[in-house]
Amino acid sequence: MLTTVLAVSALHPMRQADRPVVVTADRLYVTPERVLSPGSILIRGGKIEAVGETVDVPSDAVKVRAAVATAGLIDARTTVGLSGILNSPGHDQDQLDQSEVMQPQLRALDAFNAQEALVKYVRGHGVTTVNTGHGPGALVSGQTFLVKTHGRSADQDLVRVTSAVVANLGGEAGSRPGTRAKQVSVLRAELTRVKGLKTIEKSDLKSLAWRNVLDRKTPLIVHADRAQDIASALRLQREFGFQLWLEGGAELPLVMDDVVTAKIPVLLHPTMQRTYGDTASLSFETAAKLHSASVRFAFTTGFEGYVPKIRVLLFEAQTAVANGLPEAAALRALTVEPASILGLSERIGTLERGKQGDVALFDGDPFEYTSHCVGTVIDGIVYDAGKQ
């Protein structure tokens, strides 16, 4: 019988930050494939110091107990902190600036509001790290960055200043520059221009952003749902050799062989995303098909135009499990795979010794709809999902 309570010392998170933490669970997922029943981890100084069926418990430890514990969930693509819970343009909607068609220099860090209620909201559902930033609606809308979900400040919670530049094709690009051929033509012209530059002035932020993409220092996220747009993204990647992360992918099954050949990781559309326009062919089974084809993919919450703006990452994975994706693969796509794609494997994604102390705590099987996230641990700081 699984334990269904979370017991946490009655301390404010910030006041217990320097104390060791011991997490004990009836089922502890060290990795998606390695499960301890029961299992415990000791976190000291923000990092995992020991893992086992039992661990030594320091006298001053903050003790946490839950039915199930996994590595903290990672949202591989979202707009949380730039888009806000009130859905009020001019107030909490900074994920899109339409003054220009292409703005690769816009930093998500400069727009992120760590105090936004949605940050606490996603943390309450087990998400400890997000790749968040500018959303759809422009050909190149800006950048993403990596941040923990403590909710303190962008600088305090920062993981990486720039994780990617975001481009959008098809309907996701908005009304300008027009047709699909025009969209790709404008992108190709800009990449060709910057490729030909011998030197770039420090004040030319746009060209510097593109140079980092061309030099493979910064990945280019291309949001493409239609098969023809996915093909265009792959074509551009072959032409210019940049590091491509494919986002969306509603019609991925139609071009699966090409994606397999290109070995491109996929930031998969939310499983339950609404089906209209470019996503009319979206399927609940896409995650299972990607798994069967051995394509690396991670779950995302993306961007939604309605309140509360952010989907629940775990719910998207649950639906994929209900439609053919093995549970271990689903947990990998919430932890190990996004950590790998985002270049964070040495820091997060599993509960192994030496990793950062990021843990999601549940009162039952995470892939059952009747289960709840009862708390999170981020860098060894404990947050009760019900008392944040």
Foldseek 3Di string as FASTA:
>chain_A
DFFQDKDWPPDDLVVCLQAKEKEWECWEFLALVDIARTKMFIAHQQFTADIDSDDDDDPRYTYIYAHYKWFFFEALEAAPQQAAQVLDPPPRHRQADVPDQADALDWQLVRGQLQGPVLLVLQLFRHFKYFHGHAFAHQWGYFTAIFTSPSDGSVVGGDGRGQATEGEADVRRHPPPHDRVVSLVVVVVLLVVLVPDPDDDPVPSRSVSSVCQLVQVHEYEYEAAAPVSVVSVLVVCVVRVGQYEYEAHQPCVVVVVVCLVSLHEYAYEQLPDDQDDSNVSHHLQPLQVCVVSVRQYAYHQGFDSDGSGGDRRLVSLLSNCVRHHPPSSSLCNGFVRSCVVSVNNQATRGRDGPHGQWMWHKNDDSSDPPIGTQWIAGSSRTDGSVPD
